[in-house]
Amino acid sequence: MVTNQGLSVSIEDDKDSISSIYEFQSFNSIWDALQWKYVRVRIPICWKKLLHSRYMLANLVYLIYSIVILIINFHPSFNQKSNDLTFFRTKTLDQPVNINPDINRYYIVLAILHLISAFLYWWAWRDRSWLDIVMIPEYLNHIEAGLYLWSAFWYSKQDTLGGYYTLAVHKIEMSATIIELFASFGWIMSWYLTYTRTLGRGFTFDDPDTVAYLTTTISSFIYVVYNIQINIYPEQYGTNILYKYGDILYFIGAWYYIFAGLRDENCFWFLPLAGQYGVAARNVRIETKELPQYGKPSILITDLCKQRQHEQFNNNNELNMVNHTATSSI
């Protein structure tokens, strides 16, 4: 067991993004790891890292977004149901849409929050070019958020279930959900390309990142199915609650993204490594995947540089021809 506590903490502090895999101090139990001499040193370091973590800031905004959605979906004040059962049995396209102006304003705020979250996730990619291939899902997320903001502004214009604005909102949100589905698979691709593999990290359910992107992808499928149903049967608008299951998965995934961010900043030092105590990640020799260098800014070759290369090539050819002629004359 390594007893040099100060050196352990300094190594963690030097490695900002993947400090947990550089941990070399092992603990025999959770009670051993939660001794005050470790807690009083590690908690301030974790707190400092979290305050400077762009990824954690994006995750917090995402969590707030998912919580507000659940409140709108399940709080009684936002879900006043009609006592007239015949309204649901004889629903036609001429029926008026049940519009709550307060909820419409909340949806506009949520759409703006979604757009802010998309920007923060884009901003969280450090040392990456904005033309990097791993940024494609982030741009799709911006488009999706913009479409939801557009549809939120049109909620107040809906009149009947078969009205122009009502059907237009369905089509806009259908496009947004399809883009979100592509973005979900894009995030899996980005995660696969850039994720550092080591013990306790990777394609396992022990890794919170795995659960997080699975919930995001499954909820995207649910939203697509819901919007297909609403576009085929517009009279189900307001009574079809399939989307609420997707919102629940969204909320669960948001918490797992928080756990993943805490794990990356080594705030879970007291938990066992890959299910085993007495093992330190730094003391285990394991081959980790080299991160790809996509998106690095390339060196531009200007016309002047090209011309200089051609002139040098021509001069060398002329010199070779002169030498060849002189040799032939001799």
Protein backbone atom coordinates (compact mmCIF):
# COMPACT_ATOMS: atom_id res chain seq x y z
CA MET A 1 0.00 0.00 0.00
CA VAL A 2 1.40 3.40 -0.94
CA THR A 3 1.55 5.76 2.01
CA ASN A 4 2.85 8.88 0.27
CA GLN A 5 -0.43 10.74 0.33
CA GLY A 6 0.87 14.08 -0.94
CA LEU A 7 2.41 12.52 -4.05
CA SER A 8 -0.84 10.68 -4.79
CA VAL A 9 -2.86 13.88 -4.70
CA SER A 10 -0.37 15.81 -6.82
CA ILE A 11 -0.54 13.19 -9.55
CA GLU A 12 -4.32 13.42 -9.55
CA ASP A 13 -4.16 17.19 -9.80
CA ASP A 14 -1.81 17.11 -12.79
CA LYS A 15 -4.09 14.87 -14.84
CA ASP A 16 -7.23 16.88 -15.43
CA SER A 17 -9.29 14.74 -17.79
CA ILE A 18 -8.38 11.15 -16.87
CA SER A 19 -7.00 11.46 -13.35
CA SER A 20 -8.86 8.37 -12.11
CA ILE A 21 -6.78 6.04 -14.29
CA TYR A 22 -3.59 7.56 -12.85
CA GLU A 23 -4.56 6.73 -9.26
CA PHE A 24 -1.82 4.66 -7.66
CA GLN A 25 -3.04 4.56 -4.06
CA SER A 26 -5.00 1.41 -3.30
CA PHE A 27 -7.53 0.92 -0.51
CA ASN A 28 -8.60 -2.29 1.19
CA SER A 29 -12.19 -1.23 1.89
CA ILE A 30 -14.57 1.69 1.61
CA TRP A 31 -13.98 2.53 5.28
CA ASP A 32 -10.26 2.64 4.62
CA ALA A 33 -10.78 5.03 1.68
CA LEU A 34 -13.14 7.29 3.63
CA GLN A 35 -10.72 8.07 6.42
CA TRP A 36 -10.61 11.76 7.25
CA LYS A 37 -6.98 12.15 6.17
CA TYR A 38 -7.99 11.17 2.62
CA VAL A 39 -11.35 12.93 2.54
CA ARG A 40 -10.03 16.32 3.65
CA VAL A 41 -7.43 16.31 0.88
CA ARG A 42 -9.36 14.75 -1.99
CA ILE A 43 -12.73 16.51 -1.64
CA PRO A 44 -11.32 20.03 -2.26
CA ILE A 45 -9.39 18.75 -5.28
CA CYS A 46 -12.51 17.09 -6.72
CA TRP A 47 -14.55 20.22 -6.08
CA LYS A 48 -11.95 22.39 -7.81
CA LYS A 49 -11.91 20.10 -10.84
CA LEU A 50 -15.69 20.03 -11.07
CA LEU A 51 -15.87 23.82 -10.99
CA HIS A 52 -13.53 23.96 -14.00
CA SER A 53 -15.12 21.04 -15.86
CA ARG A 54 -17.01 22.10 -18.98
CA TYR A 55 -18.42 18.60 -19.34
CA MET A 56 -19.92 18.66 -15.84
CA LEU A 57 -21.51 22.05 -16.52
CA ALA A 58 -23.18 20.65 -19.64
CA ASN A 59 -24.36 17.61 -17.67
CA LEU A 60 -25.91 19.81 -14.97
CA VAL A 61 -27.86 21.83 -17.54
CA TYR A 62 -28.98 18.57 -19.14
CA LEU A 63 -30.12 17.27 -15.74
CA ILE A 64 -32.12 20.45 -15.03
CA TYR A 65 -33.73 20.13 -18.46
CA SER A 66 -34.81 16.53 -17.81
CA ILE A 67 -36.15 17.37 -14.33
CA VAL A 68 -38.33 20.22 -15.63
CA ILE A 69 -39.72 17.94 -18.35
CA LEU A 70 -40.75 15.35 -15.75
CA ILE A 71 -42.38 18.03 -13.60
CA ILE A 72 -44.47 19.21 -16.56
CA ASN A 73 -45.39 15.62 -17.42
CA PHE A 74 -46.41 14.38 -13.98
CA HIS A 75 -47.20 17.31 -11.69
CA PRO A 76 -50.99 17.51 -11.11
CA SER A 77 -51.16 21.25 -11.79
CA PHE A 78 -49.90 20.66 -15.34
CA ASN A 79 -52.03 17.57 -16.01
CA GLN A 80 -55.64 18.50 -15.38
CA LYS A 81 -57.73 15.90 -17.16
CA SER A 82 -61.22 16.42 -18.43
CA ASN A 83 -64.08 14.63 -16.69
CA ASP A 84 -65.98 14.28 -19.95
CA LEU A 85 -65.14 10.75 -21.09
CA THR A 86 -67.05 11.19 -24.35
CA PHE A 87 -64.43 13.73 -25.38
CA PHE A 88 -61.84 10.97 -25.59
CA ARG A 89 -64.17 8.42 -27.18
CA THR A 90 -65.41 10.66 -29.99
CA LYS A 91 -62.22 12.54 -30.70
CA THR A 92 -62.01 13.80 -34.30
CA LEU A 93 -59.72 16.12 -36.20
CA ASP A 94 -62.22 18.94 -35.67
CA GLN A 95 -61.78 18.81 -31.91
CA PRO A 96 -59.92 21.82 -30.44
CA VAL A 97 -56.44 21.36 -29.03
CA ASN A 98 -56.23 21.72 -25.26
CA ILE A 99 -53.83 24.68 -24.95
CA ASN A 100 -52.33 25.88 -21.67
CA PRO A 101 -50.50 29.19 -22.23
CA ASP A 102 -48.33 28.69 -19.14
CA ILE A 103 -47.13 25.28 -20.31
CA ASN A 104 -46.44 26.70 -23.76
CA ARG A 105 -44.14 29.30 -22.22
CA TYR A 106 -42.38 26.60 -20.22
CA TYR A 107 -41.80 24.62 -23.41
CA ILE A 108 -40.18 27.66 -25.01
CA VAL A 109 -37.88 28.02 -22.00
CA LEU A 110 -37.09 24.30 -22.19
CA ALA A 111 -36.24 24.57 -25.88
CA ILE A 112 -33.87 27.46 -25.14
CA LEU A 113 -32.33 25.40 -22.32
CA HIS A 114 -31.91 22.54 -24.78
CA LEU A 115 -30.08 24.86 -27.16
CA ILE A 116 -27.80 26.04 -24.34
CA SER A 117 -27.10 22.42 -23.40
CA ALA A 118 -26.18 21.61 -27.00
CA PHE A 119 -23.73 24.50 -27.08
CA LEU A 120 -22.15 23.46 -23.76
CA TYR A 121 -21.59 19.90 -24.97
CA TRP A 122 -19.94 21.31 -28.09
CA TRP A 123 -17.84 23.63 -25.92
CA ALA A 124 -16.82 20.73 -23.66
CA TRP A 125 -14.63 19.22 -26.39
CA ARG A 126 -11.20 20.59 -25.52
CA ASP A 127 -8.30 20.56 -27.98
CA ARG A 128 -10.56 19.57 -30.87
CA SER A 129 -11.05 21.36 -34.15
CA TRP A 130 -14.59 22.54 -34.89
CA LEU A 131 -14.31 20.48 -38.11
CA ASP A 132 -13.49 17.31 -36.18
CA ILE A 133 -15.54 14.24 -37.09
CA VAL A 134 -16.52 13.76 -33.44
CA MET A 135 -18.25 17.15 -33.52
CA ILE A 136 -20.89 16.00 -36.03
CA PRO A 137 -23.32 14.75 -33.32
CA GLU A 138 -22.98 18.08 -31.52
CA TYR A 139 -24.01 19.99 -34.65
CA LEU A 140 -26.95 17.60 -35.13
CA ASN A 141 -27.91 18.33 -31.53
CA HIS A 142 -27.96 22.07 -32.33
CA ILE A 143 -30.26 21.46 -35.31
CA GLU A 144 -32.56 19.29 -33.21
CA ALA A 145 -32.74 21.93 -30.45
CA GLY A 146 -33.50 24.61 -33.03
CA LEU A 147 -36.38 22.56 -34.45
CA TYR A 148 -37.86 22.03 -30.98
CA LEU A 149 -37.62 25.77 -30.35
CA TRP A 150 -39.43 26.41 -33.63
CA SER A 151 -42.24 23.99 -32.73
CA ALA A 152 -42.50 25.49 -29.21
CA PHE A 153 -43.21 28.93 -30.70
CA TRP A 154 -46.01 27.38 -32.77
CA TYR A 155 -47.73 25.60 -29.86
CA SER A 156 -49.87 28.65 -29.12
CA LYS A 157 -51.05 28.78 -32.76
CA GLN A 158 -52.62 25.31 -32.70
CA ASP A 159 -56.39 25.35 -33.00
CA THR A 160 -57.81 21.94 -33.94
CA LEU A 161 -56.27 18.47 -34.07
CA GLY A 162 -56.30 18.60 -37.85
CA GLY A 163 -55.32 22.25 -38.16
CA TYR A 164 -52.41 23.54 -40.20
CA TYR A 165 -50.19 24.55 -37.29
CA THR A 166 -50.95 21.38 -35.33
CA LEU A 167 -49.91 19.13 -38.21
CA ALA A 168 -46.91 21.36 -38.90
CA VAL A 169 -45.76 20.98 -35.29
CA HIS A 170 -46.01 17.19 -35.64
CA LYS A 171 -43.84 17.25 -38.77
CA ILE A 172 -41.25 19.56 -37.22
CA GLU A 173 -40.95 17.40 -34.12
CA MET A 174 -40.80 14.27 -36.26
CA SER A 175 -37.79 15.75 -38.07
CA ALA A 176 -36.21 16.69 -34.74
CA THR A 177 -36.57 13.18 -33.32
CA ILE A 178 -35.02 11.58 -36.41
CA ILE A 179 -32.06 13.96 -36.17
CA GLU A 180 -31.80 13.17 -32.46
CA LEU A 181 -31.65 9.45 -33.25
CA PHE A 182 -28.75 9.98 -35.67
CA ALA A 183 -27.04 12.17 -33.06
CA SER A 184 -27.40 9.41 -30.46
CA PHE A 185 -25.56 6.93 -32.67
CA GLY A 186 -23.04 9.66 -33.43
CA TRP A 187 -22.34 10.09 -29.71
CA ILE A 188 -21.70 6.35 -29.46
CA MET A 189 -19.25 6.68 -32.35
CA SER A 190 -17.52 9.66 -30.71
CA TRP A 191 -17.32 7.78 -27.43
CA TYR A 192 -15.79 4.76 -29.19
CA LEU A 193 -13.19 6.87 -31.01
CA THR A 194 -12.04 9.02 -28.10
CA TYR A 195 -12.63 6.98 -24.95
CA THR A 196 -9.62 5.79 -22.93
CA ARG A 197 -9.93 2.07 -22.23
CA THR A 198 -8.64 0.66 -18.98
CA LEU A 199 -9.94 -1.33 -16.02
CA GLY A 200 -13.50 -0.40 -15.09
CA ARG A 201 -14.03 1.63 -18.25
CA GLY A 202 -15.40 0.50 -21.58
CA PHE A 203 -18.35 -1.41 -23.00
CA THR A 204 -19.64 -2.76 -19.68
CA PHE A 205 -22.59 -1.85 -17.50
CA ASP A 206 -20.14 -1.01 -14.72
CA ASP A 207 -19.28 2.10 -16.73
CA PRO A 208 -21.89 4.88 -16.26
CA ASP A 209 -21.13 6.20 -19.75
CA THR A 210 -22.46 2.95 -21.23
CA VAL A 211 -25.78 3.20 -19.37
CA ALA A 212 -26.01 6.91 -20.19
CA TYR A 213 -25.72 6.61 -23.96
CA LEU A 214 -27.95 3.52 -24.00
CA THR A 215 -30.76 5.41 -22.24
CA THR A 216 -30.31 8.34 -24.63
CA THR A 217 -30.51 6.06 -27.67
CA ILE A 218 -33.52 4.10 -26.40
CA SER A 219 -35.40 7.30 -25.55
CA SER A 220 -34.67 8.58 -29.07
CA PHE A 221 -36.27 5.43 -30.50
CA ILE A 222 -39.32 5.99 -28.27
CA TYR A 223 -39.69 9.58 -29.48
CA VAL A 224 -39.48 8.44 -33.11
CA VAL A 225 -42.19 5.80 -32.56
CA TYR A 226 -44.40 8.32 -30.75
CA ASN A 227 -44.09 10.92 -33.52
CA ILE A 228 -44.81 8.32 -36.19
CA GLN A 229 -48.02 7.42 -34.35
CA ILE A 230 -49.02 11.07 -33.96
CA ASN A 231 -48.36 11.84 -37.63
CA ILE A 232 -50.44 8.83 -38.73
CA TYR A 233 -53.19 9.34 -36.14
CA PRO A 234 -53.32 13.08 -35.28
CA GLU A 235 -56.44 12.52 -33.17
CA GLN A 236 -54.22 10.79 -30.55
CA TYR A 237 -52.47 14.10 -29.83
CA GLY A 238 -52.91 14.85 -26.14
CA THR A 239 -53.90 11.31 -25.16
CA ASN A 240 -50.91 9.32 -26.41
CA ILE A 241 -48.42 9.34 -23.51
CA LEU A 242 -45.70 7.16 -25.03
CA TYR A 243 -43.28 10.09 -25.03
CA LYS A 244 -43.38 10.19 -21.23
CA TYR A 245 -41.48 6.89 -21.07
CA GLY A 246 -38.77 8.48 -23.19
CA ASP A 247 -38.66 11.44 -20.81
CA ILE A 248 -38.16 9.07 -17.86
CA LEU A 249 -35.22 7.40 -19.62
CA TYR A 250 -33.86 10.86 -20.41
CA PHE A 251 -33.92 11.67 -16.69
CA ILE A 252 -32.17 8.41 -15.76
CA GLY A 253 -29.51 8.97 -18.41
CA ALA A 254 -28.90 12.51 -17.15
CA TRP A 255 -27.99 11.15 -13.73
CA TYR A 256 -25.62 8.59 -15.24
CA TYR A 257 -23.88 11.37 -17.17
CA ILE A 258 -23.40 13.13 -13.82
CA PHE A 259 -21.93 9.92 -12.36
CA ALA A 260 -19.62 9.58 -15.36
CA GLY A 261 -18.37 13.14 -14.89
CA LEU A 262 -17.72 12.54 -11.20
CA ARG A 263 -15.91 9.30 -12.00
CA ASP A 264 -13.69 11.04 -14.59
CA GLU A 265 -12.61 13.59 -11.97
CA ASN A 266 -11.81 10.73 -9.53
CA CYS A 267 -14.52 11.72 -7.05
CA PHE A 268 -15.28 8.01 -6.52
CA TRP A 269 -11.84 7.08 -5.23
CA PHE A 270 -13.51 5.19 -2.35
CA LEU A 271 -15.20 2.69 -4.70
CA PRO A 272 -13.43 -0.52 -5.78
CA LEU A 273 -11.55 -0.57 -9.08
CA ALA A 274 -13.42 -2.85 -11.48
CA GLY A 275 -15.20 -4.39 -8.47
CA GLN A 276 -12.04 -5.14 -6.50
CA TYR A 277 -10.39 -3.39 -3.57
CA GLY A 278 -6.64 -3.41 -3.02
CA VAL A 279 -5.92 -2.53 -6.66
CA ALA A 280 -4.71 0.83 -7.95
CA ALA A 281 -5.17 1.73 -11.60
CA ARG A 282 -1.68 3.15 -12.02
CA ASN A 283 -0.03 0.00 -10.64
CA VAL A 284 -1.78 -2.22 -13.19
CA ARG A 285 0.00 -2.38 -16.53
CA ILE A 286 -2.62 -2.42 -19.25
CA GLU A 287 -2.53 -1.37 -22.87
CA THR A 288 -4.82 1.60 -23.41
CA LYS A 289 -6.15 2.61 -26.80
CA GLU A 290 -4.35 5.49 -28.45
CA LEU A 291 -6.71 8.39 -29.05
CA PRO A 292 -7.15 9.26 -32.74
CA GLN A 293 -5.78 12.54 -34.00
CA TYR A 294 -8.82 13.53 -36.05
CA GLY A 295 -9.52 17.19 -36.37
CA LYS A 296 -5.94 18.38 -35.97
CA PRO A 297 -5.42 21.63 -37.90
CA SER A 298 -3.59 20.74 -41.09
CA ILE A 299 -0.66 22.72 -42.53
CA LEU A 300 -1.86 24.82 -45.44
CA ILE A 301 0.37 24.84 -48.52
CA THR A 302 0.05 28.23 -50.18
CA ASP A 303 0.62 28.97 -53.84
CA LEU A 304 3.90 30.67 -52.97
CA CYS A 305 5.17 27.53 -51.24
CA LYS A 306 4.05 25.39 -54.16
CA GLN A 307 5.78 27.72 -56.62
CA ARG A 308 8.96 27.60 -54.55
CA GLN A 309 8.88 23.80 -54.61
CA HIS A 310 8.39 23.76 -58.39
CA GLU A 311 11.25 26.24 -58.92
CA GLN A 312 13.54 24.15 -56.77
CA PHE A 313 12.52 21.04 -58.70
CA ASN A 314 13.15 22.75 -62.07
CA ASN A 315 16.54 24.06 -60.94
CA ASN A 316 17.57 20.59 -59.85
CA ASN A 317 16.49 19.18 -63.21
CA GLU A 318 18.45 21.84 -65.12
CA LEU A 319 21.53 21.15 -63.01
CA ASN A 320 21.23 17.43 -63.66
CA MET A 321 20.87 18.04 -67.41
CA VAL A 322 23.99 20.29 -67.43
CA ASN A 323 25.99 17.70 -65.56
CA HIS A 324 24.78 15.00 -67.91
CA THR A 325 25.75 17.12 -70.97
CA ALA A 326 29.19 17.88 -69.53
CA THR A 327 29.79 14.22 -68.83
CA SER A 328 28.78 13.29 -72.38
CA SER A 329 31.13 15.91 -73.88
CA ILE A 330 34.07 14.58 -71.90
